[in-house]
Each structure stands twice: as C-alpha cells, then as structure tokens.
C-alpha cells in the first residue's frame, strides 16, 4: 500500500470502476468488526458475551469519530512531523480533502476520490482497536475501555499508520529507517518495508497492546482454577467465516484497484488461510488427540493475520508455506499463557502478535523479488525484522503509559462481585439469553434477571466457581 504518495497530483477524471472496488472493499472491512464481535463473543462466558461484543462496537464508534476529525490527517496528512505523525490540522474534519487523487502517483491505476480512501482506512483503524479487547475480556469497565480506545488510537495507531504507510520512519521513503540501513534508489528505500495490508500497523500493533494491557489489568477471577470454556462455538465459527470473507476487502482492497495484483492477493490470502487452519488442527491432533472447531476458527484467523503483510509479495506456494507455519506457531503459542500465568483471554497475543510477527518477517524470507529463501540476499529480511521490532517497542512503551495512567485515574477493573455475577449485568444491565423467563421452574418478571442469575449465567455462590461445566472466555 503506497499510501505515502497520497499527495500526488490529482488526475482530471474519476475512475468509477476503481472507486466502486475501493468502496466495496471498505464495506467488507467494516463488516469485520461486527464479525470480530461474533468471533470473540462466542469464546467468552455467557454472562460476558454482550460486553465482549460491545467492546468491538464501542471501539468502532469512538475511532470512527476521531478518525474523521483528525485521525486521517495524522496518518496521511501532507506535512510530516519528524517522521512520526502528519500534521493533525492539515485535513482536520476532512475539510481539505481533495476530490480526486491517484494514490500511486503513476500510470496504470484508476483515480479515486480521496474520501473513498478515507473510508477504507477508517475501517482499518476501528478494527485494530477492537482486536485488543480480546486480551482483557470479562473484567474491565466499559467506560475505561472507550477512553482507552480514543487515546490509544491517537497516540499509537495513527502514528504507526503514518510511519509505515504515510511516509514516516518505518516506511519506504528515502528518509526512513530502511533507507538509512541499505540506501535509496530514485528517492525510495532500496529495500522498502513490506506491509501490504497491516502486519505491523494492525496485528503486531494490536497484539503488543493486548499483551501490555493483559499484564496491567491482571487475571480474571478464577483464571487457571476454574474452567472457562467458550459458551457458543457456532457463534465463533460464524464470526471466523465472516472475518475470512471480509478479509478479502482488507487485503485485496489494499491494492486500491481491481487488477492482476489484487487477484494474486485474493489467491494468496485463501491459500495461506487454508494452510494455517490445517496446520493448527494438526498440532491439536498430535498434542491432544482431537481437532477442535475452536482450533479451526483460530487457525483461520492466524492464517489471515500472517498473510496480511505479505499477500502482495509472495507466490501462492509461498503463501501455503507462510500459512502452515503460522497455524503451527500460533497453536503452540496459545498454550504458553498458562505456563506464564498470563490471562490473554481470547489469545490476542498467541494469534495476532505471533502470526503478525511471523507474517512480517516471513515476507522478507519468501518475497519473490527480495526474499532470502529465493536467494535474493538478507537485506529485506533484516528490514522486516527491524520494522517489527520498532513497532513492538513503540506500541509497548506507549500502551504501558496509557494503561497505567488509566489504572491510576479511572481504574480498569469492575468490582469483584460484579465480575463473578457477570459483566453484562453490571456494565450494561442486560442478559444475552432469556429462555422464556423460567429459572429452576419458577417464572420471573418481564424485566432483567437478577444480577448473576439466569439459565446460562450461573449463580453468584462460591459453588459456581468449582463447577467443571464453567464456560471460557
């Protein structure tokens, strides 16, 4: 995604086909946040599913507002500030957005309204913040989460988007880190970082933030002692399927044109995802003796994550290799949270951080133009490693500052009793499931069930927390 060339001179004629393609892809990516809500929601406990879904919807709502106000300008504005951000005032409120632009700056690509690109990138920003929520499911105040979403997007996401895609330090300009290491050619880094659709900007970024927040917020009550299984596996499978469908907008749409490269990206995305799913299931079968539905859904997401940065640089066979390794690595990684006593509730670290890192580095290994495994030298792989490490450090430090500041002011955790009773009742005064209003043969009123009670919500007594039939977030 050569978004740092957004300032290229506008062409006089609008390309309707390219515009339609980008708008369609933006709509597919927009669908990914509700799909994520389904995916995450099915993996939580029944008394937490609404809150989990609301964290995704809430993140999209908050980020959508600030992206229009200043997020787009900070990411893709025309005036770079120290390679870290663009001037928030350049396009504040989208008041200075041109009618037509050629985002690639050269012949062969259609001219689309800049607003189409704004809409496309807005959906990326909202999804990235929503991804983080899976690491802290079941236990945080909704108000604190919304404030975090706004601050984190402003201080972390928008700068990373600018640094990688908007002409900053981690991009392909002759002023960036890659050019400093290995020189530049015709005003561009000779070995420009490969991040076609968001390996660093989205997945390493969100995965690292999830790791930091999981450490700051702390473990759920009963973690490691009480079984916490997914309460609705079909919901998770449906979410995974919709994510896979929407991801074609995510990856192919980043070409910004319905051309041969977009077709290659489509095939590569499918190939990697299929291979990752089978790789994950193979690990499960060898380790545990069964291949699970949750494993299949998680393998799908791991493959999608890994291929995201590399989808435009690999061959279909290379994509199969990348995806298979991603499925294996993430399947092995998710079990480590118990070893390290880290309550990454829905495996944001094990899937998004691990597969995001592998996909970013794997792009340097398997690129058909500069890949180390194609005998093209080590430079591209080194660039990929440095860019990944730079994103990890930037995101880790700033997320820790934000997370600790909110912990000291607003506080992250809901009350312990509310956590045991169920965060849906405590934070939203709602219950996800109502089977005719009968509880143990007694009909209750038409209002909400009492906190912590219901057919699937369990009771608030201590006995519940020793019940092996508990459900997991």
Protein backbone atom coordinates (compact mmCIF):
# COMPACT_ATOMS: atom_id res chain seq x y z
CA UNK A 1 0.00 0.00 0.00
CA UNK A 2 1.93 3.03 -1.27
CA UNK A 3 -0.14 5.44 0.75
CA UNK A 4 2.75 7.84 1.35
CA UNK A 5 2.15 9.04 -2.22
CA UNK A 6 -1.30 10.35 -1.43
CA UNK A 7 -0.20 13.88 -2.21
CA UNK A 8 0.38 13.03 -5.87
CA UNK A 9 -1.18 15.37 -8.37
CA UNK A 10 -4.90 14.73 -8.93
CA UNK A 11 -5.98 13.50 -12.33
CA UNK A 12 -8.92 15.18 -14.04
CA UNK A 13 -11.14 12.13 -14.49
CA UNK A 14 -12.68 9.81 -11.91
CA UNK A 15 -12.29 6.05 -12.42
CA UNK A 16 -15.69 4.67 -11.47
CA UNK A 17 -14.59 1.03 -11.50
CA UNK A 18 -11.70 1.65 -9.12
CA UNK A 19 -13.92 3.79 -6.90
CA UNK A 20 -16.56 1.08 -6.72
CA UNK A 21 -13.89 -1.51 -5.90
CA UNK A 22 -12.49 0.52 -3.01
CA UNK A 23 -15.93 1.33 -1.59
CA UNK A 24 -16.93 -2.33 -1.78
CA UNK A 25 -13.72 -3.36 -0.03
CA UNK A 26 -14.24 -0.69 2.63
CA UNK A 27 -17.68 -2.14 3.29
CA UNK A 28 -16.21 -5.62 3.64
CA UNK A 29 -13.66 -4.36 6.16
CA UNK A 30 -16.39 -2.51 8.05
CA UNK A 31 -18.19 -5.84 8.41
CA UNK A 32 -15.09 -7.33 10.01
CA UNK A 33 -15.62 -5.51 13.31
CA UNK A 34 -19.11 -6.97 13.89
CA UNK A 35 -17.67 -10.30 12.70
CA UNK A 36 -14.95 -9.97 15.31
CA UNK A 37 -17.67 -9.32 17.89
CA UNK A 38 -19.25 -12.66 16.97
CA UNK A 39 -15.89 -14.43 16.98
CA UNK A 40 -14.90 -13.05 20.38
CA UNK A 41 -18.43 -13.23 21.79
CA UNK A 42 -18.74 -16.96 21.21
CA UNK A 43 -15.47 -17.59 23.05
CA UNK A 44 -16.48 -15.75 26.22
CA UNK A 45 -18.72 -16.95 29.02
CA UNK A 46 -22.45 -16.47 28.54
CA UNK A 47 -22.56 -13.81 31.27
CA UNK A 48 -19.92 -11.77 29.37
CA UNK A 49 -20.88 -12.11 25.71
CA UNK A 50 -22.72 -8.78 25.37
CA UNK A 51 -19.89 -6.82 26.94
CA UNK A 52 -17.41 -8.53 24.66
CA UNK A 53 -19.42 -7.61 21.60
CA UNK A 54 -19.99 -4.07 22.89
CA UNK A 55 -16.23 -3.57 23.20
CA UNK A 56 -15.91 -4.12 19.45
CA UNK A 57 -18.88 -1.91 18.58
CA UNK A 58 -17.76 0.76 21.05
CA UNK A 59 -14.24 0.86 19.65
CA UNK A 60 -15.56 1.32 16.12
CA UNK A 61 -17.85 4.13 17.26
CA UNK A 62 -15.14 6.05 19.08
CA UNK A 63 -12.48 5.61 16.42
CA UNK A 64 -14.87 6.47 13.61
CA UNK A 65 -15.49 9.88 15.17
CA UNK A 66 -11.89 10.82 15.84
CA UNK A 67 -10.71 9.45 12.51
CA UNK A 68 -12.93 11.96 10.70
CA UNK A 69 -11.83 14.77 13.00
CA UNK A 70 -8.06 14.29 13.00
CA UNK A 71 -7.08 10.63 12.62
CA UNK A 72 -6.88 10.67 8.85
CA UNK A 73 -4.87 13.86 8.92
CA UNK A 74 -2.45 12.45 11.50
CA UNK A 75 -1.99 9.31 9.39
CA UNK A 76 -1.96 10.62 5.82
CA UNK A 77 -1.69 14.40 6.03
CA UNK A 78 0.65 16.28 3.73
CA UNK A 79 3.02 17.71 6.36
CA UNK A 80 5.24 15.15 8.06
CA UNK A 81 6.41 15.84 11.63
CA UNK A 82 9.72 14.14 12.48
CA UNK A 83 8.67 11.01 10.62
CA UNK A 84 6.26 10.16 13.45
CA UNK A 85 2.96 11.78 12.53
CA UNK A 86 1.45 14.09 9.96
CA UNK A 87 0.00 17.44 10.98
CA UNK A 88 -3.46 16.83 12.53
CA UNK A 89 -4.63 20.20 11.29
CA UNK A 90 -3.91 19.65 7.61
CA UNK A 91 -7.13 17.78 6.94
CA UNK A 92 -8.94 18.31 10.23
CA UNK A 93 -12.58 17.32 9.85
CA UNK A 94 -11.69 16.29 6.28
CA UNK A 95 -12.12 19.93 5.28
CA UNK A 96 -9.09 19.90 2.99
CA UNK A 97 -9.60 16.55 1.27
CA UNK A 98 -9.19 16.68 -2.49
CA UNK A 99 -11.93 15.42 -4.76
CA UNK A 100 -9.77 13.09 -6.84
CA UNK A 101 -6.28 11.66 -6.44
CA UNK A 102 -4.04 8.99 -7.86
CA UNK A 103 -2.76 7.23 -4.77
CA UNK A 104 0.07 5.51 -6.61
CA UNK A 105 1.31 8.54 -8.47
CA UNK A 106 1.95 6.77 -11.78
CA UNK A 107 0.19 5.48 -14.85
CA UNK A 108 -1.95 2.38 -14.80
CA UNK A 109 -4.11 2.91 -11.73
CA UNK A 110 -7.53 4.46 -11.58
CA UNK A 111 -8.18 7.77 -9.88
CA UNK A 112 -10.49 7.55 -6.88
CA UNK A 113 -11.95 10.19 -4.56
CA UNK A 114 -9.78 10.68 -1.53
CA UNK A 115 -12.90 10.23 0.58
CA UNK A 116 -13.07 6.62 -0.65
CA UNK A 117 -9.60 6.07 0.74
CA UNK A 118 -10.60 7.82 3.97
CA UNK A 119 -13.49 5.41 4.42
CA UNK A 120 -11.27 2.42 3.67
CA UNK A 121 -8.65 3.45 6.22
CA UNK A 122 -11.25 4.36 8.86
CA UNK A 123 -12.38 0.74 8.95
CA UNK A 124 -8.79 -0.44 9.48
CA UNK A 125 -8.39 1.86 12.46
CA UNK A 126 -11.62 0.76 14.12
CA UNK A 127 -10.86 -2.94 13.68
CA UNK A 128 -7.34 -2.62 15.07
CA UNK A 129 -8.55 -1.12 18.33
CA UNK A 130 -11.34 -3.71 18.60
CA UNK A 131 -8.81 -6.54 18.26
CA UNK A 132 -7.14 -5.51 21.53
CA UNK A 133 -10.30 -6.09 23.55
CA UNK A 134 -9.99 -9.86 23.37
CA UNK A 135 -6.98 -9.78 25.69
CA UNK A 136 -8.94 -8.23 28.56
CA UNK A 137 -12.35 -9.88 28.22
CA UNK A 138 -14.73 -10.29 31.18
CA UNK A 139 -13.25 -7.80 33.61
CA UNK A 140 -12.84 -4.16 32.58
CA UNK A 141 -15.05 -1.10 32.83
CA UNK A 142 -16.71 -0.22 29.56
CA UNK A 143 -16.13 3.49 30.18
CA UNK A 144 -12.39 2.96 30.67
CA UNK A 145 -12.27 0.89 27.50
CA UNK A 146 -13.88 3.68 25.46
CA UNK A 147 -11.46 6.28 26.81
CA UNK A 148 -8.55 3.93 26.12
CA UNK A 149 -9.79 3.42 22.55
CA UNK A 150 -9.67 7.14 21.84
CA UNK A 151 -6.29 7.74 23.47
CA UNK A 152 -4.61 4.65 22.05
CA UNK A 153 -5.79 5.34 18.52
CA UNK A 154 -4.48 8.89 18.81
CA UNK A 155 -1.11 8.19 20.41
CA UNK A 156 -0.30 4.77 18.96
CA UNK A 157 -2.36 3.74 15.93
CA UNK A 158 -2.33 6.97 13.93
CA UNK A 159 1.44 7.46 14.33
CA UNK A 160 2.17 3.83 13.38
CA UNK A 161 -0.09 4.14 10.33
CA UNK A 162 1.79 7.28 9.32
CA UNK A 163 5.21 5.79 9.97
CA UNK A 164 4.52 2.70 7.86
CA UNK A 165 2.05 3.83 5.20
CA UNK A 166 2.05 7.61 5.30
CA UNK A 167 5.68 8.43 4.57
CA UNK A 168 7.20 8.15 8.06
CA UNK A 169 10.20 6.47 9.63
CA UNK A 170 9.08 2.87 9.14
CA UNK A 171 8.06 3.30 5.51
CA UNK A 172 9.78 3.22 2.15
CA UNK A 173 10.83 6.85 1.76
CA UNK A 174 14.44 7.91 1.45
CA UNK A 175 14.18 9.41 4.96
CA UNK A 176 13.09 6.21 6.66
CA UNK A 177 14.90 3.57 8.66
CA UNK A 178 15.12 1.15 5.71
CA UNK A 179 16.82 3.74 3.52
CA UNK A 180 19.22 4.60 6.33
CA UNK A 181 20.25 0.94 6.59
CA UNK A 182 20.56 -0.03 2.92
CA UNK A 183 20.35 3.18 0.92
CA UNK A 184 17.79 4.57 -1.50
CA UNK A 185 17.10 4.45 -5.21
CA UNK A 186 15.22 7.21 -7.06
CA UNK A 187 14.04 8.76 -3.80
CA UNK A 188 12.80 5.50 -2.26
CA UNK A 189 14.35 2.93 0.04
CA UNK A 190 16.14 0.28 -2.00
CA UNK A 191 14.65 -2.35 0.31
CA UNK A 192 11.35 -0.80 1.33
CA UNK A 193 9.47 -2.47 4.20
CA UNK A 194 6.78 -4.91 3.10
CA UNK A 195 3.45 -4.35 4.83
CA UNK A 196 0.82 -4.62 2.17
CA UNK A 197 -2.25 -4.52 4.39
CA UNK A 198 -1.27 -4.21 8.03
CA UNK A 199 1.08 -6.77 9.57
CA UNK A 200 2.75 -4.08 11.65
CA UNK A 201 0.07 -1.40 11.58
CA UNK A 202 -2.76 -3.73 12.60
CA UNK A 203 -1.65 -7.06 14.01
CA UNK A 204 1.72 -6.54 15.70
CA UNK A 205 0.33 -3.25 16.94
CA UNK A 206 -2.86 -4.74 18.41
CA UNK A 207 -1.13 -7.89 19.66
CA UNK A 208 1.51 -5.98 21.58
CA UNK A 209 -1.11 -3.66 23.05
CA UNK A 210 -3.12 -6.68 24.14
CA UNK A 211 -0.09 -8.17 25.88
CA UNK A 212 0.63 -4.97 27.78
CA UNK A 213 -2.99 -4.48 28.85
CA UNK A 214 -3.36 -8.09 29.97
CA UNK A 215 -0.39 -7.55 32.28
CA UNK A 216 -1.68 -4.22 33.60
CA UNK A 217 -5.31 -5.27 34.10
CA UNK A 218 -4.46 -8.63 35.64
CA UNK A 219 -6.06 -12.04 35.53
CA UNK A 220 -9.76 -12.88 35.69
CA UNK A 221 -11.16 -14.21 38.94
CA UNK A 222 -10.57 -17.95 38.90
CA UNK A 223 -8.11 -17.96 36.00
CA UNK A 224 -6.16 -21.20 35.99
CA UNK A 225 -8.50 -22.78 38.56
CA UNK A 226 -11.97 -22.55 37.05
CA UNK A 227 -12.79 -24.00 33.61
CA UNK A 228 -13.62 -21.08 31.31
CA UNK A 229 -14.73 -22.65 28.06
CA UNK A 230 -16.30 -20.93 25.04
CA UNK A 231 -20.04 -20.71 25.62
CA UNK A 232 -21.15 -20.71 21.96
CA UNK A 233 -18.79 -22.37 19.48
CA UNK A 234 -21.14 -21.95 16.45
CA UNK A 235 -21.10 -18.19 17.10
CA UNK A 236 -17.31 -18.22 16.98
CA UNK A 237 -17.30 -20.31 13.80
CA UNK A 238 -19.74 -17.87 12.18
CA UNK A 239 -17.54 -14.96 13.20
CA UNK A 240 -14.46 -16.66 11.75
CA UNK A 241 -16.26 -17.26 8.46
CA UNK A 242 -17.35 -13.64 8.21
CA UNK A 243 -13.85 -12.46 9.10
CA UNK A 244 -12.45 -14.61 6.30
CA UNK A 245 -14.96 -13.14 3.86
CA UNK A 246 -14.31 -9.57 4.97
CA UNK A 247 -10.55 -10.08 4.86
CA UNK A 248 -10.62 -10.08 1.07
CA UNK A 249 -11.60 -6.43 1.34
CA UNK A 250 -8.82 -5.96 3.88
CA UNK A 251 -6.08 -7.47 1.69
CA UNK A 252 -7.20 -7.23 -1.94
CA UNK A 253 -8.66 -3.79 -1.26
CA UNK A 254 -5.25 -2.51 -0.23
CA UNK A 255 -4.26 -2.66 -3.90
CA UNK A 256 -6.88 0.09 -4.45
CA UNK A 257 -7.62 -1.30 -7.92
CA UNK A 258 -9.28 -4.41 -9.33
CA UNK A 259 -6.22 -5.63 -11.22
CA UNK A 260 -3.85 -8.58 -11.50
CA UNK A 261 -2.15 -7.80 -8.20
CA UNK A 262 -5.48 -7.80 -6.39
CA UNK A 263 -6.22 -11.21 -7.92
CA UNK A 264 -2.87 -12.56 -6.68
CA UNK A 265 -3.61 -11.17 -3.23
CA UNK A 266 -7.01 -12.91 -3.20
CA UNK A 267 -5.46 -16.28 -4.05
CA UNK A 268 -2.58 -15.84 -1.61
CA UNK A 269 -4.98 -14.91 1.18
CA UNK A 270 -7.05 -18.03 0.59
CA UNK A 271 -4.04 -20.32 0.28
CA UNK A 272 -2.40 -19.12 3.49
CA UNK A 273 -5.63 -19.31 5.45
CA UNK A 274 -6.39 -22.87 4.38
CA UNK A 275 -2.86 -23.98 5.21
CA UNK A 276 -2.92 -22.28 8.61
CA UNK A 277 -6.19 -23.93 9.57
CA UNK A 278 -4.85 -27.38 8.71
CA UNK A 279 -1.56 -26.62 10.45
CA UNK A 280 -3.38 -25.63 13.66
CA UNK A 281 -5.59 -28.74 13.55
CA UNK A 282 -2.54 -30.95 13.00
CA UNK A 283 -0.91 -29.55 16.14
CA UNK A 284 -4.11 -30.17 18.12
CA UNK A 285 -4.38 -33.73 16.85
CA UNK A 286 -0.77 -34.54 17.69
CA UNK A 287 -0.78 -32.82 21.10
CA UNK A 288 -4.28 -33.53 22.37
CA UNK A 289 -5.70 -36.24 20.18
CA UNK A 290 -8.60 -34.14 18.83
CA UNK A 291 -9.03 -31.48 16.18
CA UNK A 292 -11.48 -28.88 17.50
CA UNK A 293 -13.86 -26.36 15.99
CA UNK A 294 -12.30 -23.56 18.02
CA UNK A 295 -8.93 -24.68 16.67
CA UNK A 296 -10.20 -24.47 13.10
CA UNK A 297 -11.62 -20.98 13.66
CA UNK A 298 -8.43 -19.81 15.38
CA UNK A 299 -6.29 -21.32 12.61
CA UNK A 300 -8.29 -19.38 10.03
CA UNK A 301 -7.58 -16.12 11.84
CA UNK A 302 -3.89 -16.98 12.31
CA UNK A 303 -3.51 -17.55 8.57
CA UNK A 304 -5.32 -14.34 7.72
CA UNK A 305 -3.12 -12.41 10.13
CA UNK A 306 0.12 -13.87 8.77
CA UNK A 307 -0.64 -13.30 5.09
CA UNK A 308 -1.82 -9.71 5.63
CA UNK A 309 1.60 -8.02 5.33
CA UNK A 310 2.94 -10.45 2.73
CA UNK A 311 -0.04 -11.05 0.44
CA UNK A 312 1.25 -8.88 -2.41
CA UNK A 313 4.84 -10.13 -2.29
CA UNK A 314 4.50 -13.93 -2.24
CA UNK A 315 3.62 -16.65 -4.72
CA UNK A 316 0.65 -18.93 -3.96
CA UNK A 317 3.03 -21.74 -2.97
CA UNK A 318 4.96 -19.37 -0.73
CA UNK A 319 1.64 -18.37 0.83
CA UNK A 320 0.90 -22.02 1.63
CA UNK A 321 4.22 -22.25 3.46
CA UNK A 322 3.68 -18.98 5.31
CA UNK A 323 0.18 -20.02 6.38
CA UNK A 324 1.12 -23.51 7.53
CA UNK A 325 3.90 -22.17 9.72
CA UNK A 326 1.57 -19.51 11.13
CA UNK A 327 -1.01 -22.12 12.13
CA UNK A 328 1.63 -24.25 13.83
CA UNK A 329 3.31 -21.36 15.65
CA UNK A 330 0.07 -19.85 16.94
CA UNK A 331 -1.34 -23.22 18.00
CA UNK A 332 1.79 -23.79 20.08
CA UNK A 333 1.87 -20.22 21.38
CA UNK A 334 -1.66 -20.07 22.82
CA UNK A 335 -0.89 -22.72 25.43
CA UNK A 336 2.04 -20.71 26.78
CA UNK A 337 -0.24 -18.24 28.54
CA UNK A 338 -0.96 -20.86 31.19
CA UNK A 339 2.74 -21.56 31.63
CA UNK A 340 3.42 -17.86 32.16
CA UNK A 341 0.15 -17.27 34.05
CA UNK A 342 -0.85 -14.59 31.54
CA UNK A 343 -4.58 -14.13 31.14
CA UNK A 344 -4.74 -13.19 27.48
CA UNK A 345 -8.40 -14.13 27.49
CA UNK A 346 -9.04 -14.75 23.78
CA UNK A 347 -5.47 -15.32 22.57
CA UNK A 348 -4.79 -11.95 21.03
CA UNK A 349 -1.10 -12.40 21.77
CA UNK A 350 -0.90 -16.01 20.61
CA UNK A 351 -2.70 -15.32 17.34
CA UNK A 352 -2.27 -11.69 16.33
CA UNK A 353 1.13 -10.93 17.80
CA UNK A 354 2.75 -14.27 16.97
CA UNK A 355 1.30 -14.65 13.48
CA UNK A 356 1.71 -10.93 12.82
CA UNK A 357 5.41 -11.15 13.64
CA UNK A 358 5.83 -14.29 11.57
CA UNK A 359 3.97 -12.82 8.60
CA UNK A 360 6.04 -9.65 8.67
CA UNK A 361 9.36 -11.49 8.92
CA UNK A 362 8.20 -14.25 6.60
CA UNK A 363 7.55 -11.63 3.92
CA UNK A 364 11.27 -10.95 3.91
CA UNK A 365 12.06 -14.64 3.65
CA UNK A 366 9.51 -15.58 0.98
CA UNK A 367 9.17 -12.45 -1.17
CA UNK A 368 9.50 -13.40 -4.82
CA UNK A 369 11.51 -10.23 -5.51
CA UNK A 370 13.80 -9.80 -2.49
CA UNK A 371 13.24 -12.93 -0.40
CA UNK A 372 16.16 -14.57 1.37
CA UNK A 373 14.84 -18.05 0.57
CA UNK A 374 14.79 -17.09 -3.11
CA UNK A 375 18.50 -16.31 -2.98
CA UNK A 376 17.94 -12.55 -3.12
CA UNK A 377 20.09 -11.62 -0.14
CA UNK A 378 19.47 -10.87 3.52
CA UNK A 379 18.59 -7.18 3.31
CA UNK A 380 14.82 -7.44 3.01
CA UNK A 381 14.60 -9.86 5.91
CA UNK A 382 16.68 -7.56 8.10
CA UNK A 383 14.43 -4.63 7.19
CA UNK A 384 11.36 -6.67 8.13
CA UNK A 385 12.83 -7.62 11.50
CA UNK A 386 13.82 -4.05 12.30
CA UNK A 387 10.39 -2.69 11.35
CA UNK A 388 8.68 -5.33 13.50
CA UNK A 389 10.92 -4.58 16.48
CA UNK A 390 10.38 -0.85 16.04
CA UNK A 391 6.61 -1.33 16.13
CA UNK A 392 6.87 -3.58 19.20
CA UNK A 393 8.91 -1.03 21.12
CA UNK A 394 6.80 1.98 20.14
CA UNK A 395 3.50 0.27 20.88
CA UNK A 396 4.68 -1.45 24.04
CA UNK A 397 6.01 1.65 25.74
CA UNK A 398 3.14 3.97 24.85
CA UNK A 399 0.44 1.40 25.62
CA UNK A 400 2.02 0.87 29.05
CA UNK A 401 1.93 4.61 29.71
CA UNK A 402 -1.73 4.87 28.67
CA UNK A 403 -2.76 1.73 30.52
CA UNK A 404 -1.06 2.69 33.78
CA UNK A 405 -2.42 6.24 33.62
CA UNK A 406 -5.98 4.94 33.22
CA UNK A 407 -5.44 2.42 36.01
CA UNK A 408 -4.43 5.25 38.35
CA UNK A 409 -7.32 7.52 37.35
CA UNK A 410 -10.45 5.79 36.08
CA UNK A 411 -9.46 2.27 37.09
CA UNK A 412 -9.69 -0.76 34.82
CA UNK A 413 -11.40 -3.46 36.84
CA UNK A 414 -15.06 -3.84 37.62
CA UNK A 415 -15.97 -4.85 41.18
CA UNK A 416 -15.00 -8.40 42.11
CA UNK A 417 -18.60 -9.33 42.93
CA UNK A 418 -19.78 -7.93 39.61
CA UNK A 419 -17.15 -9.95 37.80
CA UNK A 420 -18.38 -13.13 39.47
CA UNK A 421 -22.00 -12.28 38.79
CA UNK A 422 -21.38 -11.31 35.19
CA UNK A 423 -20.12 -8.20 33.48
CA UNK A 424 -23.14 -7.98 31.16
CA UNK A 425 -25.48 -7.26 34.06
CA UNK A 426 -23.02 -4.98 35.83
CA UNK A 427 -21.98 -2.83 32.87
CA UNK A 428 -24.97 -2.97 30.53
CA UNK A 429 -27.97 -4.10 32.63
CA UNK A 430 -28.68 -6.78 30.05
CA UNK A 431 -28.58 -10.54 29.68
CA UNK A 432 -27.72 -12.28 26.43
CA UNK A 433 -30.09 -15.20 26.85
CA UNK A 434 -33.66 -15.46 28.17
CA UNK A 435 -35.34 -18.83 27.78
CA UNK A 436 -38.94 -17.85 28.42
CA UNK A 437 -38.22 -16.30 31.82
CA UNK A 438 -38.03 -19.64 33.69
CA UNK A 439 -35.32 -20.27 36.25
CA UNK A 440 -35.38 -23.59 38.12
CA UNK A 441 -39.08 -23.96 37.33
CA UNK A 442 -40.01 -20.50 38.61
CA UNK A 443 -41.12 -17.75 36.28
CA UNK A 444 -39.55 -14.35 36.87
CA UNK A 445 -40.86 -10.95 35.88
CA UNK A 446 -40.59 -9.40 32.45
CA UNK A 447 -37.65 -7.27 33.50
CA UNK A 448 -33.99 -8.29 33.51
CA UNK A 449 -32.95 -11.32 35.51
CA UNK A 450 -31.26 -10.52 38.81
CA UNK A 451 -27.51 -9.99 38.53
CA UNK A 452 -25.69 -13.29 38.18
CA UNK A 453 -28.80 -15.44 37.69
CA UNK A 454 -30.22 -16.99 34.58
CA UNK A 455 -30.29 -20.19 32.60
CA UNK A 456 -26.70 -19.68 31.42
CA UNK A 457 -25.43 -17.00 33.74
CA UNK A 458 -24.88 -19.20 36.80
CA UNK A 459 -25.28 -18.07 40.38
CA UNK A 460 -23.04 -15.87 42.45
CA UNK A 461 -22.42 -18.53 45.07
CA UNK A 462 -18.99 -19.97 45.63
CA UNK A 463 -20.21 -23.33 44.38
CA UNK A 464 -20.39 -21.97 40.83
CA UNK A 465 -16.69 -21.40 40.73
CA UNK A 466 -15.89 -25.03 41.35
CA UNK A 467 -18.28 -26.28 38.68
CA UNK A 468 -16.29 -28.06 35.96
CA UNK A 469 -19.02 -27.15 33.47
CA UNK A 470 -17.98 -23.49 33.56
CA UNK A 471 -17.52 -21.74 30.28
CA UNK A 472 -14.46 -20.00 28.99
CA UNK A 473 -13.63 -16.56 27.76
